[in-house]
Protein backbone atom coordinates (compact mmCIF):
# COMPACT_ATOMS: atom_id res chain seq x y z
CA MET A 1 -61.68 -21.06 -119.23
CA THR A 2 -61.07 -20.13 -115.61
CA MET A 3 -64.73 -20.79 -114.76
CA VAL A 4 -64.61 -24.25 -116.39
CA CYS A 5 -61.47 -25.12 -114.46
CA GLN A 6 -63.17 -23.99 -111.25
CA ARG A 7 -66.27 -26.11 -112.00
CA VAL A 8 -64.13 -29.17 -112.83
CA SER A 9 -62.16 -28.59 -109.66
CA GLN A 10 -65.32 -28.20 -107.59
CA GLY A 11 -66.85 -31.24 -109.29
CA GLY A 12 -63.66 -33.20 -108.58
CA ARG A 13 -63.84 -32.21 -104.93
CA ALA A 14 -67.50 -33.25 -104.75
CA ASN A 15 -66.75 -36.57 -106.42
CA GLY A 16 -63.82 -37.03 -104.07
CA PHE A 17 -66.05 -36.42 -101.06
CA LYS A 18 -68.64 -38.86 -102.45
CA ALA A 19 -65.97 -41.51 -103.02
CA ALA A 20 -64.59 -41.00 -99.52
CA ALA A 21 -68.07 -41.19 -98.00
CA PHE A 22 -68.85 -44.34 -100.04
CA SER A 23 -65.58 -45.96 -98.89
CA LEU A 24 -66.44 -45.11 -95.30
CA LEU A 25 -69.87 -46.71 -95.69
CA ILE A 26 -68.27 -49.88 -97.07
CA LEU A 27 -65.89 -50.02 -94.10
CA VAL A 28 -68.72 -49.46 -91.62
CA ALA A 29 -70.87 -52.09 -93.33
CA GLY A 30 -67.93 -54.51 -93.22
CA SER A 31 -67.49 -53.84 -89.51
CA PHE A 32 -71.18 -54.50 -88.85
CA ALA A 33 -70.97 -57.73 -90.88
CA ALA A 34 -67.96 -58.88 -88.83
CA ALA A 35 -69.72 -57.99 -85.60
CA ALA A 36 -72.82 -59.89 -86.72
CA GLU A 37 -70.87 -63.08 -87.46
CA THR A 38 -71.91 -65.80 -85.03
CA PRO A 39 -69.25 -67.67 -83.02
CA ALA A 40 -70.07 -70.86 -84.96
CA ALA A 41 -69.76 -69.08 -88.32
CA TYR A 42 -66.45 -67.53 -87.25
CA MET A 43 -65.12 -70.90 -86.10
CA GLN A 44 -66.24 -72.52 -89.35
CA ARG A 45 -64.20 -69.95 -91.22
CA VAL A 46 -61.16 -70.63 -89.04
CA ALA A 47 -61.56 -74.40 -89.46
CA ASN A 48 -61.71 -73.99 -93.23
CA GLU A 49 -58.50 -71.96 -93.14
CA LEU A 50 -56.81 -74.62 -91.01
CA ILE A 51 -57.87 -77.37 -93.42
CA ALA A 52 -56.53 -75.33 -96.33
CA ALA A 53 -53.22 -74.91 -94.48
CA GLN A 54 -53.05 -78.64 -93.87
CA ARG A 55 -53.69 -79.40 -97.53
CA SER A 56 -51.01 -76.95 -98.63
CA GLY A 57 -48.55 -78.40 -96.13
CA SER A 58 -47.12 -74.91 -95.67
CA GLU A 59 -45.83 -73.87 -92.26
CA ASN A 60 -46.31 -70.27 -93.37
CA ASP A 61 -50.01 -70.94 -94.00
CA TYR A 62 -50.40 -72.42 -90.52
CA ALA A 63 -48.56 -69.45 -89.02
CA THR A 64 -50.85 -67.02 -90.85
CA VAL A 65 -53.95 -68.71 -89.43
CA LEU A 66 -52.47 -68.66 -85.93
CA ARG A 67 -51.49 -64.99 -86.12
CA SER A 68 -54.95 -64.10 -87.42
CA HIS A 69 -57.13 -66.13 -85.10
CA ALA A 70 -55.33 -67.42 -82.00
CA ASP A 71 -55.44 -65.56 -78.69
CA VAL A 72 -51.65 -65.48 -78.88
CA PRO A 73 -50.67 -63.31 -75.86
CA THR A 74 -52.93 -65.18 -73.42
CA ILE A 75 -51.95 -68.63 -74.72
CA ALA A 76 -48.26 -67.74 -74.72
CA LEU A 77 -48.10 -66.22 -71.24
CA THR A 78 -50.28 -68.93 -69.72
CA ALA A 79 -47.94 -71.55 -71.19
CA LEU A 80 -45.11 -70.12 -69.05
CA GLY A 81 -46.96 -70.62 -65.77
CA SER A 82 -45.12 -68.89 -62.92
CA TYR A 83 -42.17 -68.28 -65.24
CA ALA A 84 -44.20 -65.59 -67.03
CA GLN A 85 -43.22 -63.12 -64.29
CA GLY A 86 -39.57 -63.53 -65.27
CA LEU A 87 -40.11 -62.77 -68.96
CA ALA A 88 -39.15 -59.19 -69.79
CA LYS A 89 -41.82 -57.26 -71.71
CA SER A 90 -39.22 -56.47 -74.35
CA ASP A 91 -38.88 -60.23 -75.01
CA ARG A 92 -42.59 -60.84 -75.49
CA PRO A 93 -42.83 -60.08 -79.24
CA ALA A 94 -39.98 -62.50 -79.99
CA TYR A 95 -41.55 -65.08 -77.69
CA TYR A 96 -44.97 -64.77 -79.36
CA ALA A 97 -43.41 -65.10 -82.82
CA GLY A 98 -41.34 -68.07 -81.71
CA MET A 99 -44.37 -69.83 -80.23
CA ILE A 100 -46.35 -69.35 -83.45
CA ASN A 101 -43.49 -70.73 -85.54
CA PHE A 102 -43.09 -73.69 -83.17
CA ILE A 103 -46.78 -74.62 -83.41
CA ALA A 104 -46.75 -74.11 -87.20
CA ARG A 105 -43.72 -76.40 -87.58
CA TYR A 106 -45.33 -79.03 -85.37
CA ALA A 107 -48.62 -78.83 -87.29
CA GLY A 108 -46.77 -79.00 -90.61
CA LYS A 109 -45.00 -82.16 -89.48
CA GLU A 110 -47.94 -83.93 -87.81
CA GLY A 111 -50.76 -82.72 -90.09
CA PRO A 112 -50.18 -85.21 -92.92
CA LYS A 113 -50.67 -88.09 -90.46
CA TYR A 114 -54.29 -87.02 -89.85
CA PRO A 115 -55.64 -85.60 -93.13
CA VAL A 116 -58.95 -83.81 -92.50
CA ALA A 117 -61.74 -84.10 -95.05
CA LYS A 118 -64.09 -81.64 -93.38
CA ALA A 119 -64.99 -79.93 -90.11
CA ILE A 120 -68.57 -78.92 -89.38
CA MET A 121 -69.70 -76.72 -86.49
CA VAL A 122 -72.63 -78.37 -84.75
CA GLY A 123 -73.46 -75.98 -81.90
CA GLN A 124 -72.41 -73.16 -79.63
CA THR A 125 -73.02 -72.16 -76.03
CA LYS A 126 -74.09 -68.83 -74.60
CA GLU A 127 -71.29 -66.39 -73.87
CA THR A 128 -70.00 -66.28 -70.30
CA ALA A 129 -67.00 -64.70 -68.60
CA ALA A 130 -64.97 -67.73 -69.72
CA GLY A 131 -65.92 -67.14 -73.36
CA ILE A 132 -68.02 -69.08 -75.86
CA TYR A 133 -67.73 -72.77 -76.64
CA VAL A 134 -68.27 -73.99 -80.20
CA ASP A 135 -68.66 -77.72 -80.82
CA SER A 136 -67.53 -79.31 -84.07
CA ARG A 137 -67.41 -82.70 -85.74
CA VAL A 138 -64.18 -83.38 -87.62
CA THR A 139 -64.06 -86.07 -90.32
CA LEU A 140 -60.75 -87.49 -91.48
CA ARG A 141 -60.26 -88.77 -95.02
CA THR A 142 -60.23 -92.28 -93.55
CA GLY A 143 -63.85 -91.73 -92.50
CA GLU A 144 -62.97 -91.59 -88.81
CA THR A 145 -64.73 -88.80 -86.90
CA TYR A 146 -64.09 -87.05 -83.61
CA ASP A 147 -65.47 -84.08 -81.71
CA VAL A 148 -63.54 -80.89 -81.02
CA ARG A 149 -64.74 -78.18 -78.64
CA TRP A 150 -63.29 -74.72 -79.31
CA ARG A 151 -63.25 -71.91 -76.76
CA LEU A 152 -63.53 -68.42 -78.19
CA VAL A 153 -62.93 -65.16 -76.37
CA ARG A 154 -63.46 -61.57 -77.41
CA ARG A 155 -60.40 -59.41 -77.94
CA GLY A 156 -60.87 -55.85 -79.15
CA GLY A 157 -64.37 -56.56 -80.43
CA VAL A 158 -63.40 -59.67 -82.42
CA PHE A 159 -63.30 -63.37 -81.63
CA LYS A 160 -60.06 -65.20 -80.96
CA VAL A 161 -59.48 -68.90 -80.39
CA ARG A 162 -58.29 -69.56 -76.85
CA GLU A 163 -58.46 -73.35 -76.62
CA ALA A 164 -59.26 -76.57 -78.46
CA GLU A 165 -60.38 -79.65 -76.56
CA ILE A 166 -60.24 -83.11 -78.12
CA ILE A 167 -61.55 -86.16 -76.22
CA GLY A 168 -61.23 -84.23 -72.96
CA PHE A 169 -57.64 -83.19 -73.67
CA GLU A 170 -56.89 -79.47 -73.92
CA MET A 171 -54.30 -78.66 -76.56
CA THR A 172 -52.65 -75.91 -74.54
CA THR A 173 -51.87 -78.40 -71.76
CA PHE A 174 -49.29 -79.95 -74.06
CA LEU A 175 -47.75 -76.54 -74.70
CA ASN A 176 -47.72 -75.59 -71.02
CA THR A 177 -45.96 -78.78 -69.96
CA LEU A 178 -43.43 -78.63 -72.78
CA PHE A 179 -42.47 -74.98 -72.26
CA GLN A 180 -42.32 -75.07 -68.47
CA ASN A 181 -40.25 -78.25 -68.45
CA TYR A 182 -37.80 -76.72 -70.90
CA ILE A 183 -37.37 -73.62 -68.75
CA SER A 184 -36.99 -75.72 -65.60
CA GLU A 185 -34.31 -77.85 -67.24
CA ASN A 186 -32.42 -74.80 -68.50
CA GLY A 187 -31.80 -72.70 -65.41
CA GLY A 188 -35.32 -71.39 -64.82
CA ASN A 189 -34.91 -68.39 -67.13
CA PRO A 190 -37.75 -68.04 -69.68
CA ARG A 191 -35.41 -66.21 -72.05
CA THR A 192 -33.73 -69.55 -72.79
CA LEU A 193 -37.04 -70.71 -74.22
CA VAL A 194 -37.39 -67.55 -76.32
CA ILE A 195 -33.93 -68.15 -77.81
CA ALA A 196 -34.69 -71.82 -78.50
CA LEU A 197 -38.01 -71.04 -80.19
CA ASN A 198 -36.38 -68.53 -82.52
CA ARG A 199 -33.46 -70.67 -83.69
C-alpha cells in the first residue's frame, strides 16, 4: 500500500512537471507568435477592436481598446507640452486614466455620426527611430472612404499606437491644443486638468 502511494505520488509529480512544462511551451509559443505579428496585422486587429467598440456604443469598450493598444504615457505627457514638467509623478496614473476616459467619452459621442463598415490595412513602412507607419483605407457605411495613417512604436517588445493621421491632420494635435488651453485658462497648473478629467 505504501509503495502504491509512493508510485502514485511520484507519477503525480511527473505529470505535474509535464503539465508545467507544456504550459510553459504554450506561453513561449504565444510570445513568439506575438513577436512575429507584422505591424499591419497588429493594426488590423486594433482596427477591428475599434470598429467593434463603435458598434457596441460602449465607452467602456473604447477605453479597453485604448488601455490595451495606445501609447498612453507618451501621448498623455506630450499633450501637456511644457506643462508636463509641473505634473507630479504621483498624479500621472490619475491623469492617464482621466485622459483615456475623456477620449472614450468623446468617441462614444461622435462615433455614431461616422459609422465604419470596415478598415483594411494596405501597407506599412520600414521601422525607423520614429516608429512604423501603417496605411489603411477606412470605408463608412455610407460608402465614403478615407485614408488613415497609423504610427506604431515599440514599448516593452510590443507595438503601441502613437498617432493617427487623417487627411494630414494628426489626432493628437486636437488633444494637445485642448489640454494646454485648459491648463492655461485655469492658472497654469496641470493638476486642474487632472481633476477635470476625473469628474
